[in-house]
């Protein structure tokens, strides 16, 4: 087969025209890609606004008849959980010091509890709670798999001794697959208090970072961990993972 000079010229011309076409289209395609990225970012922001919820709690001036906004805070954690969205992460911001006197069951989901003003941390005080013999006496209870609770920038004060409560009493209890994280907070142990931080029902996870603790803290992290072996034995307890102590 013989290729003429004209055919070669035509081929070069076609290649040049094709190159020019793609170069011309490149700008259009780049615009379309950028438009798609912008649409994705807008959608992601919309989803975050739907699946993330902020609720505010003020035990001093709040009211459980309020809607939980910063201008209309509720008075209790229990009521805040009644207002939470079905999906996503729920952040509960404390506007004032708070004392919890009930056992609170968290719903299935992800939660963050923190001081609204992180420079002036509020104190979350626990009160020993009496429960039935078949239950675990604890203040905040996360029983569902994949429940996560982050306590951030807040002071946690253990319950004072209470003769009406028998058995081990804990600030938190977590069920199978649930996790508790303490970040940039402080734990306060009143004289005579025997309340631990955590009671494990089955396998759970505890993560601690940047938490200030008193000298009496050994033996008070997890119910059943002896002071002599705490925290060395804690990773062996029900598969619990404890870090950064």
Protein backbone atom coordinates (compact mmCIF):
# COMPACT_ATOMS: atom_id res chain seq x y z
CA UNK A 1 0.00 0.00 0.00
CA UNK A 2 1.36 3.35 -1.07
CA UNK A 3 0.75 6.41 1.10
CA UNK A 4 0.75 9.65 -0.82
CA UNK A 5 2.04 12.94 0.44
CA UNK A 6 -1.52 14.27 0.33
CA UNK A 7 -2.74 11.51 2.63
CA UNK A 8 0.00 12.27 5.10
CA UNK A 9 -0.88 15.94 4.96
CA UNK A 10 -4.54 15.12 5.51
CA UNK A 11 -3.67 12.87 8.48
CA UNK A 12 -1.57 15.58 10.07
CA UNK A 13 -4.37 18.06 9.52
CA UNK A 14 -6.91 15.73 11.11
CA UNK A 15 -4.64 15.14 14.08
CA UNK A 16 -4.12 18.88 14.49
CA UNK A 17 -7.86 19.52 14.30
CA UNK A 18 -8.55 16.75 16.85
CA UNK A 19 -5.94 18.17 19.21
CA UNK A 20 -7.44 21.64 18.89
CA UNK A 21 -10.90 20.20 19.61
CA UNK A 22 -9.79 18.48 22.81
CA UNK A 23 -7.85 21.53 23.93
CA UNK A 24 -10.96 23.61 23.35
CA UNK A 25 -13.09 21.13 25.28
CA UNK A 26 -10.64 20.92 28.17
CA UNK A 27 -11.73 24.26 29.56
CA UNK A 28 -15.37 23.17 29.40
CA UNK A 29 -14.59 19.86 31.08
CA UNK A 30 -12.58 21.62 33.80
CA UNK A 31 -15.57 23.88 34.45
CA UNK A 32 -17.88 20.90 34.61
CA UNK A 33 -15.58 19.09 37.06
CA UNK A 34 -15.39 22.20 39.24
CA UNK A 35 -19.17 22.56 39.12
CA UNK A 36 -19.51 18.93 40.21
CA UNK A 37 -17.08 19.53 43.10
CA UNK A 38 -19.05 22.60 44.19
CA UNK A 39 -22.31 20.63 44.04
CA UNK A 40 -20.72 17.87 46.13
CA UNK A 41 -19.46 20.33 48.74
CA UNK A 42 -22.87 22.00 48.93
CA UNK A 43 -24.53 18.60 49.39
CA UNK A 44 -22.01 17.59 52.07
CA UNK A 45 -22.66 20.83 53.93
CA UNK A 46 -26.41 20.25 53.70
CA UNK A 47 -25.98 16.72 55.05
CA UNK A 48 -23.83 17.98 57.92
CA UNK A 49 -26.46 20.53 58.84
CA UNK A 50 -29.10 17.80 58.83
CA UNK A 51 -27.13 15.08 60.62
CA UNK A 52 -25.29 17.25 63.18
CA UNK A 53 -27.27 18.90 65.95
CA UNK A 54 -26.31 21.31 68.71
CA UNK A 55 -28.44 21.49 71.85
CA UNK A 56 -27.85 23.72 74.86
CA UNK A 57 -28.40 23.00 78.55
CA UNK A 58 -28.61 25.54 81.37
CA UNK A 59 -29.70 24.08 84.70
CA UNK A 60 -29.88 27.54 86.26
CA UNK A 61 -31.98 29.51 83.78
CA UNK A 62 -33.05 26.90 81.23
CA UNK A 63 -36.48 25.33 80.95
CA UNK A 64 -37.39 21.88 79.66
CA UNK A 65 -40.24 23.50 77.74
CA UNK A 66 -37.67 25.33 75.58
CA UNK A 67 -36.44 24.19 72.17
CA UNK A 68 -32.81 23.64 73.17
CA UNK A 69 -31.29 26.47 71.12
CA UNK A 70 -28.62 28.69 72.63
CA UNK A 71 -31.21 31.39 73.19
CA UNK A 72 -33.74 28.94 74.60
CA UNK A 73 -31.81 26.20 76.45
CA UNK A 74 -33.38 23.25 78.18
CA UNK A 75 -32.70 22.51 81.85
CA UNK A 76 -31.79 18.82 81.70
CA UNK A 77 -29.81 16.27 79.72
CA UNK A 78 -32.86 14.03 79.74
CA UNK A 79 -34.94 16.62 77.89
CA UNK A 80 -32.12 17.41 75.46
CA UNK A 81 -32.09 13.76 74.42
CA UNK A 82 -35.81 14.01 73.75
CA UNK A 83 -35.09 16.78 71.24
CA UNK A 84 -32.20 15.16 69.40
CA UNK A 85 -32.36 14.25 65.72
CA UNK A 86 -32.74 10.61 64.76
CA UNK A 87 -29.41 10.42 62.95
CA UNK A 88 -25.98 12.03 63.13
CA UNK A 89 -23.93 13.49 65.94
CA UNK A 90 -25.63 15.31 68.79
CA UNK A 91 -23.57 17.88 70.70
CA UNK A 92 -24.85 18.93 74.12
CA UNK A 93 -23.34 22.21 75.32
CA UNK A 94 -23.49 23.09 79.02
CA UNK A 95 -23.96 26.79 79.72
CA UNK A 96 -23.75 26.38 83.51
CA UNK A 97 -22.64 23.90 86.14
CA UNK A 98 -24.90 20.87 86.16
CA UNK A 99 -25.86 18.16 88.67
CA UNK A 100 -27.30 14.89 87.35
CA UNK A 101 -29.49 12.98 89.79
CA UNK A 102 -30.98 10.43 87.40
CA UNK A 103 -29.73 7.47 85.42
CA UNK A 104 -29.78 8.61 81.78
CA UNK A 105 -30.07 6.17 78.87
CA UNK A 106 -28.55 7.51 75.66
CA UNK A 107 -30.20 6.60 72.38
CA UNK A 108 -28.44 4.87 69.50
CA UNK A 109 -25.99 7.37 68.04
CA UNK A 110 -22.95 9.58 68.53
CA UNK A 111 -22.80 12.20 71.27
CA UNK A 112 -20.51 14.96 72.45
CA UNK A 113 -20.97 16.67 75.82
CA UNK A 114 -18.87 19.74 76.51
CA UNK A 115 -18.64 23.17 78.09
CA UNK A 116 -19.88 25.92 75.80
CA UNK A 117 -17.09 28.17 77.06
CA UNK A 118 -14.03 25.92 76.91
CA UNK A 119 -11.90 28.54 78.66
CA UNK A 120 -14.18 28.34 81.71
CA UNK A 121 -15.14 24.69 82.00
CA UNK A 122 -18.40 23.86 83.72
CA UNK A 123 -18.62 21.12 86.33
CA UNK A 124 -20.83 18.12 85.70
CA UNK A 125 -21.63 16.66 89.11
CA UNK A 126 -22.88 13.12 89.44
CA UNK A 127 -25.14 11.77 92.18
CA UNK A 128 -25.07 8.10 93.14
CA UNK A 129 -28.12 6.44 91.64
CA UNK A 130 -30.01 3.45 93.00
CA UNK A 131 -31.17 0.98 90.35
CA UNK A 132 -32.81 -2.42 90.49
CA UNK A 133 -30.74 -5.50 91.23
CA UNK A 134 -30.69 -6.59 87.59
CA UNK A 135 -29.32 -3.28 86.37
CA UNK A 136 -25.93 -1.60 86.49
CA UNK A 137 -25.90 1.46 88.78
CA UNK A 138 -24.45 4.19 86.60
CA UNK A 139 -25.25 7.76 85.65
CA UNK A 140 -24.89 7.88 81.86
CA UNK A 141 -25.67 4.59 80.16
CA UNK A 142 -24.77 3.66 76.58
CA UNK A 143 -26.14 0.24 75.85
CA UNK A 144 -26.15 0.11 72.07
CA UNK A 145 -23.48 -1.22 69.76
CA UNK A 146 -21.50 1.58 68.12
CA UNK A 147 -22.68 4.14 70.70
CA UNK A 148 -19.97 6.77 71.11
CA UNK A 149 -19.76 9.46 73.78
CA UNK A 150 -17.11 12.18 73.83
CA UNK A 151 -16.74 14.23 77.00
CA UNK A 152 -14.75 17.30 76.00
CA UNK A 153 -13.56 20.32 78.00
CA UNK A 154 -15.63 19.59 81.09
CA UNK A 155 -15.04 18.85 84.77
CA UNK A 156 -16.49 15.53 85.94
CA UNK A 157 -17.17 15.36 89.67
CA UNK A 158 -17.83 11.91 91.10
CA UNK A 159 -20.84 11.28 93.30
CA UNK A 160 -20.39 11.74 97.06
CA UNK A 161 -20.91 8.68 99.28
CA UNK A 162 -24.53 7.61 99.54
CA UNK A 163 -25.64 4.95 102.02
CA UNK A 164 -28.80 4.32 100.00
CA UNK A 165 -26.81 2.98 97.06
CA UNK A 166 -25.30 -0.49 97.33
CA UNK A 167 -22.85 -2.08 94.93
CA UNK A 168 -20.39 -0.46 92.56
CA UNK A 169 -21.53 2.85 91.14
CA UNK A 170 -20.07 4.47 88.02
CA UNK A 171 -20.32 7.70 86.11
CA UNK A 172 -20.72 5.79 82.83
CA UNK A 173 -21.65 2.30 81.69
CA UNK A 174 -21.09 1.07 78.14
CA UNK A 175 -22.42 -1.99 76.35
CA UNK A 176 -21.00 -4.13 73.58
CA UNK A 177 -19.07 -2.13 70.99
CA UNK A 178 -19.72 1.25 72.62
CA UNK A 179 -16.95 3.72 73.37
CA UNK A 180 -16.27 6.53 75.82
CA UNK A 181 -13.66 9.25 75.18
CA UNK A 182 -12.49 11.86 77.67
CA UNK A 183 -10.67 14.87 76.19
CA UNK A 184 -9.10 17.96 77.78
CA UNK A 185 -11.17 17.53 80.94
CA UNK A 186 -10.72 17.07 84.68
CA UNK A 187 -11.92 14.42 87.12
CA UNK A 188 -12.78 15.46 90.68
CA UNK A 189 -13.12 12.89 93.48
CA UNK A 190 -14.89 14.16 96.62
CA UNK A 191 -13.77 12.76 99.97
CA UNK A 192 -15.35 9.38 100.65
CA UNK A 193 -16.64 8.93 97.09
CA UNK A 194 -16.32 5.42 95.69
CA UNK A 195 -17.81 6.10 92.26
CA UNK A 196 -15.66 4.93 89.36
CA UNK A 197 -15.51 6.46 85.91
CA UNK A 198 -16.68 3.43 83.96
CA UNK A 199 -18.52 0.14 84.36
CA UNK A 200 -18.27 -2.33 81.49
CA UNK A 201 -21.19 -4.59 80.65
CA UNK A 202 -19.32 -6.49 77.95
CA UNK A 203 -16.66 -5.31 75.50
CA UNK A 204 -16.15 -1.56 75.21
CA UNK A 205 -13.53 1.09 74.68
CA UNK A 206 -12.23 3.90 76.88
CA UNK A 207 -9.91 6.57 75.48
CA UNK A 208 -8.39 9.31 77.63
CA UNK A 209 -6.32 12.29 76.51
CA UNK A 210 -5.34 15.52 78.25
CA UNK A 211 -7.34 14.72 81.40
CA UNK A 212 -6.33 16.09 84.80
CA UNK A 213 -6.77 13.54 87.59
CA UNK A 214 -6.22 13.58 91.38
CA UNK A 215 -3.68 11.46 93.24
CA UNK A 216 -6.49 9.12 94.33
CA UNK A 217 -7.31 8.13 90.74
CA UNK A 218 -5.67 4.66 90.64
CA UNK A 219 -8.39 2.06 91.03
CA UNK A 220 -11.12 4.50 90.07
CA UNK A 221 -11.09 4.25 86.30
CA UNK A 222 -13.00 1.03 85.81
CA UNK A 223 -15.13 -0.90 88.28
CA UNK A 224 -13.23 -3.98 89.39
CA UNK A 225 -9.72 -2.74 88.57
CA UNK A 226 -7.58 -2.93 91.68
CA UNK A 227 -5.54 0.12 92.58
CA UNK A 228 -2.35 -1.95 92.67
CA UNK A 229 -2.74 -2.96 89.03
CA UNK A 230 -4.53 0.08 87.65
CA UNK A 231 -4.01 1.17 84.92
CA UNK A 232 -1.72 -1.72 83.88
CA UNK A 233 -4.55 -4.28 84.05
CA UNK A 234 -7.17 -2.11 82.41
CA UNK A 235 -6.44 -3.10 78.79
CA UNK A 236 -7.15 -6.72 79.83
CA UNK A 237 -10.59 -5.95 81.23
CA UNK A 238 -13.32 -6.99 78.80
CA UNK A 239 -11.23 -5.93 75.84
CA UNK A 240 -11.16 -2.34 77.01
CA UNK A 241 -8.61 -0.12 75.33
CA UNK A 242 -7.22 2.63 77.53
CA UNK A 243 -4.75 5.11 76.11
CA UNK A 244 -2.83 8.23 77.10
CA UNK A 245 -3.22 7.96 80.87
